[in-house]
Amino acid sequence: MSQRTGPEQSAERTALPRGGMWQRPPRATALFGWSILPLRAFLGFTFCFAGLQKLANPNFFNDNSSSGIHAQLIASIRLSPLHSLLGHFLRFSTPIGVVIALAELAVGLGVLLGLWTRLAALGGMLLSLMLFLTVSYHSSPYYTGSDIVFFFAFMPLVVGGAGGVLSLDGYLTQRAMSETKGGSATLVPVPFGVVQQTCGQYQSGRCKARGGLECEVAPCPYLRQGRLPVAFRRADAVDRRSVVLRGSAAGAAGALGLVVAGGAAVLGRAAGGAKAPKSNEVALTKPATHAASGTHPPGQAIGPASDVPVGGAAQFTDPANGAPGLVLQPSHGAFVAYNAVCPHAGCTVGFASSSNLIVCPCHGSIFNPSNGDVEGGPAPHGLSQLAVAVGSDGQLYVNG
């Protein structure tokens, strides 16, 4: 490049390319690969763990388990804004649980390995959105529910993928370029001032190759042709080869994932799965349909008081709204009753006699059996208490 002095050099110094610091640089999504690594590691591990945990727990697929997918769907039907739609899927709860577990495992592997990262992250967003609408929609304040946080945490990966850093996507693209003699895909950030000093077409803030138009920072129309820089050759061949390699890698990773999933399921069943908290709950005998003789407290009968063991609990259905209920007899003749719907995500709580606590089998919330107050999250508040009393006919009456 020739040396310029005087007014020409001064004009060149003062000429600033359009866009400046606000202009998006070429292939900007590849620049954040290293900074996104901690998020990739967390999301990938969490979703792999979540999928394997479900597959290894036989209770998750047991329709009679209070911590299973069937019970969680029932809870979602009560609280979710999609309740009218979810009711149609209740009979398919076990296949839905399998699909969710395998989808979580696939998302986790894709993000961890950096393989089809954008597609895996999009799947993670969809799963998180589904869980938000069905499980944590009523979390209050909204940020106490993790699903909405996961939804937004996947967004950077949808935008920029793995950034070519410690990822199979980047490795396979590099391999495809080597096989097609297309050069290196390594991104080398260069200040635009260096480009101005070395570009043979740049003069006084103008591009001679573009008829004297002002020089543009990002992307430089002269240095780029369409989607790829002019330094790239045989771009179509690179793309095709990259897709083939990534497809083969996805098949291998999928096969590995199925082997791991199958192993987790077998080991979980051999070990007996995760144990639900032990409970001495019984179901109250339904009261007679005819009118009870004598006087009784206000409310509706739910069953005989004699069915509730001292120091134990019994389940019932609230006649007022059909919600599950829990009645306890801490000492002889003293009864307390609660709405058994956990305020966190709508699962049905139970009484753990060994620890004298009311617990949620889905997410571990703990409640005080004497007053229903929450003693351990993630439930935002305690259980709703119901007025309960014994009538002269020996029946328990609740008045919510």
Foldseek 3Di string as FASTA:
>chain_A
DDDDDDPQVVLLVPQDAPPPPNDQAALNLLVCLVVCVVLLLVLLVVLLVQLLQCLLFPLQLDCPHLQHQLLLLVQLLVPFPCNVVSVVCSVVSNVVSNVSSLLSNLLSVCSNQLFVQLVSLVSQLVSLVVCCRRFFVLPPPSVLDCSVVSNVSSVSCNVRRSSLPNHPLVVLLQVLCVVVVFDGPDDDDDPVVVVLVPPPQHGSQFGVVVVGHGAHRHPGPVQPDPNGGPSTDPVVSSVVSSVVVSVVVSVVVSVVSVVSSVVSNVNSVVVPRDDFFDFPEAAADADDPDDDPDDFDPADFFHFPVVADALHKYWTAHPVPRAIKIKHHPHPQDIWMFRQQQQRGGRGWGARSVVRWIFNRHPTWIAHPVPQFTDGDPRPTGTHTWDWHATPRRTIGTDD
